[in-house]
Amino acid sequence: DWYSTLQKSNVKLITNRIKQIKSHSIITYDGDEYPVDIIIWSTGFQTQKFALPIYGINGCSLAEQWSETVQ
């Protein structure tokens, strides 16, 4: 159902590689800068496995936290 979201006038799908992430924008390798509200890191179908360790509040590992969910 999310495909229709991509058709909205206030949504832009950017597939270029990200060179830099700023506090309110991204810069792609082609030099374009885009304001962002959210960045979705699409990792494929293994959503609970990360190439990089991600830690949140109090050093909580996201992989460890998510490993407790039902798959």
C-alpha atoms as a PDB file:
ATOM      1  CA  ASP A   1       0.000   0.000   0.000  1.00  0.00           C
ATOM      2  CA  TRP A   2       2.966   2.347   0.394  1.00  0.00           C
ATOM      3  CA  TYR A   3       3.515   2.668  -3.372  1.00  0.00           C
ATOM      4  CA  SER A   4       0.799   5.323  -3.641  1.00  0.00           C
ATOM      5  CA  THR A   5       2.795   7.462  -1.199  1.00  0.00           C
ATOM      6  CA  LEU A   6       5.512   7.867  -3.841  1.00  0.00           C
ATOM      7  CA  GLN A   7       2.979   9.606  -6.081  1.00  0.00           C
ATOM      8  CA  LYS A   8       2.302  12.416  -3.603  1.00  0.00           C
ATOM      9  CA  SER A   9       3.556  15.883  -4.469  1.00  0.00           C
ATOM     10  CA  ASN A  10       5.453  16.267  -1.182  1.00  0.00           C
ATOM     11  CA  VAL A  11       7.362  12.967  -1.523  1.00  0.00           C
ATOM     12  CA  LYS A  12      10.552  12.456  -3.478  1.00  0.00           C
ATOM     13  CA  LEU A  13      12.332   9.131  -3.839  1.00  0.00           C
ATOM     14  CA  ILE A  14      16.091   9.664  -4.043  1.00  0.00           C
ATOM     15  CA  THR A  15      18.104   6.628  -5.094  1.00  0.00           C
ATOM     16  CA  ASN A  16      21.494   8.278  -5.642  1.00  0.00           C
ATOM     17  CA  ARG A  17      24.244   7.334  -3.221  1.00  0.00           C
ATOM     18  CA  ILE A  18      24.416   9.556  -0.148  1.00  0.00           C
ATOM     19  CA  LYS A  19      27.743  11.300   0.360  1.00  0.00           C
ATOM     20  CA  GLN A  20      26.882  13.280   3.482  1.00  0.00           C
ATOM     21  CA  ILE A  21      24.076  13.438   6.032  1.00  0.00           C
ATOM     22  CA  LYS A  22      23.448  16.818   7.626  1.00  0.00           C
ATOM     23  CA  SER A  23      21.028  17.707  10.412  1.00  0.00           C
ATOM     24  CA  HIS A  24      18.154  18.491   8.011  1.00  0.00           C
ATOM     25  CA  SER A  25      19.379  17.382   4.582  1.00  0.00           C
ATOM     26  CA  ILE A  26      21.397  14.879   2.594  1.00  0.00           C
ATOM     27  CA  ILE A  27      23.989  15.508  -0.079  1.00  0.00           C
ATOM     28  CA  THR A  28      24.358  12.914  -2.830  1.00  0.00           C
ATOM     29  CA  TYR A  29      27.539  12.041  -4.699  1.00  0.00           C
ATOM     30  CA  ASP A  30      26.322  14.031  -7.701  1.00  0.00           C
ATOM     31  CA  GLY A  31      26.369  17.152  -5.506  1.00  0.00           C
ATOM     32  CA  ASP A  32      22.617  17.636  -5.081  1.00  0.00           C
ATOM     33  CA  GLU A  33      21.301  18.547  -1.627  1.00  0.00           C
ATOM     34  CA  TYR A  34      17.839  17.497  -0.504  1.00  0.00           C
ATOM     35  CA  PRO A  35      15.972  18.595   2.626  1.00  0.00           C
ATOM     36  CA  VAL A  36      14.764  15.560   4.559  1.00  0.00           C
ATOM     37  CA  ASP A  37      12.310  14.781   7.308  1.00  0.00           C
ATOM     38  CA  ILE A  38      13.175  11.090   7.340  1.00  0.00           C
ATOM     39  CA  ILE A  39      15.751   8.783   5.798  1.00  0.00           C
ATOM     40  CA  ILE A  40      14.762   5.179   5.193  1.00  0.00           C
ATOM     41  CA  TRP A  41      17.722   2.857   5.063  1.00  0.00           C
ATOM     42  CA  SER A  42      16.540   0.035   2.847  1.00  0.00           C
ATOM     43  CA  THR A  43      18.645  -3.017   3.649  1.00  0.00           C
ATOM     44  CA  GLY A  44      16.658  -5.670   1.838  1.00  0.00           C
ATOM     45  CA  PHE A  45      14.669  -8.445   3.392  1.00  0.00           C
ATOM     46  CA  GLN A  46      16.877  -9.185   6.404  1.00  0.00           C
ATOM     47  CA  THR A  47      15.679  -6.171   8.338  1.00  0.00           C
ATOM     48  CA  GLN A  48      17.085  -7.334  11.656  1.00  0.00           C
ATOM     49  CA  LYS A  49      20.670  -7.776  10.441  1.00  0.00           C
ATOM     50  CA  PHE A  50      22.847  -4.688  10.048  1.00  0.00           C
ATOM     51  CA  ALA A  51      26.198  -4.177   8.359  1.00  0.00           C
ATOM     52  CA  LEU A  52      27.056  -1.642  11.061  1.00  0.00           C
ATOM     53  CA  PRO A  53      26.308  -1.874  14.770  1.00  0.00           C
ATOM     54  CA  ILE A  54      23.645   0.636  15.828  1.00  0.00           C
ATOM     55  CA  TYR A  55      23.324   1.700  19.460  1.00  0.00           C
ATOM     56  CA  GLY A  56      20.679   3.826  21.082  1.00  0.00           C
ATOM     57  CA  ILE A  57      19.981   5.209  24.529  1.00  0.00           C
ATOM     58  CA  ASN A  58      22.155   3.741  27.300  1.00  0.00           C
ATOM     59  CA  GLY A  59      24.189   1.752  24.750  1.00  0.00           C
ATOM     60  CA  CYS A  60      21.274  -0.498  23.836  1.00  0.00           C
ATOM     61  CA  SER A  61      22.076  -2.459  20.647  1.00  0.00           C
ATOM     62  CA  LEU A  62      19.297  -2.283  18.051  1.00  0.00           C
ATOM     63  CA  ALA A  63      20.150  -5.768  16.772  1.00  0.00           C
ATOM     64  CA  GLU A  64      19.922  -7.158  20.301  1.00  0.00           C
ATOM     65  CA  GLN A  65      16.645  -5.345  20.970  1.00  0.00           C
ATOM     66  CA  TRP A  66      15.093  -6.515  17.699  1.00  0.00           C
ATOM     67  CA  SER A  67      16.343 -10.096  18.114  1.00  0.00           C
ATOM     68  CA  GLU A  68      13.658 -10.524  20.758  1.00  0.00           C
ATOM     69  CA  THR A  69      10.833  -9.875  18.259  1.00  0.00           C
ATOM     70  CA  VAL A  70       8.948 -12.608  16.442  1.00  0.00           C
ATOM     71  CA  GLN A  71      10.074 -13.063  12.860  1.00  0.00           C
END
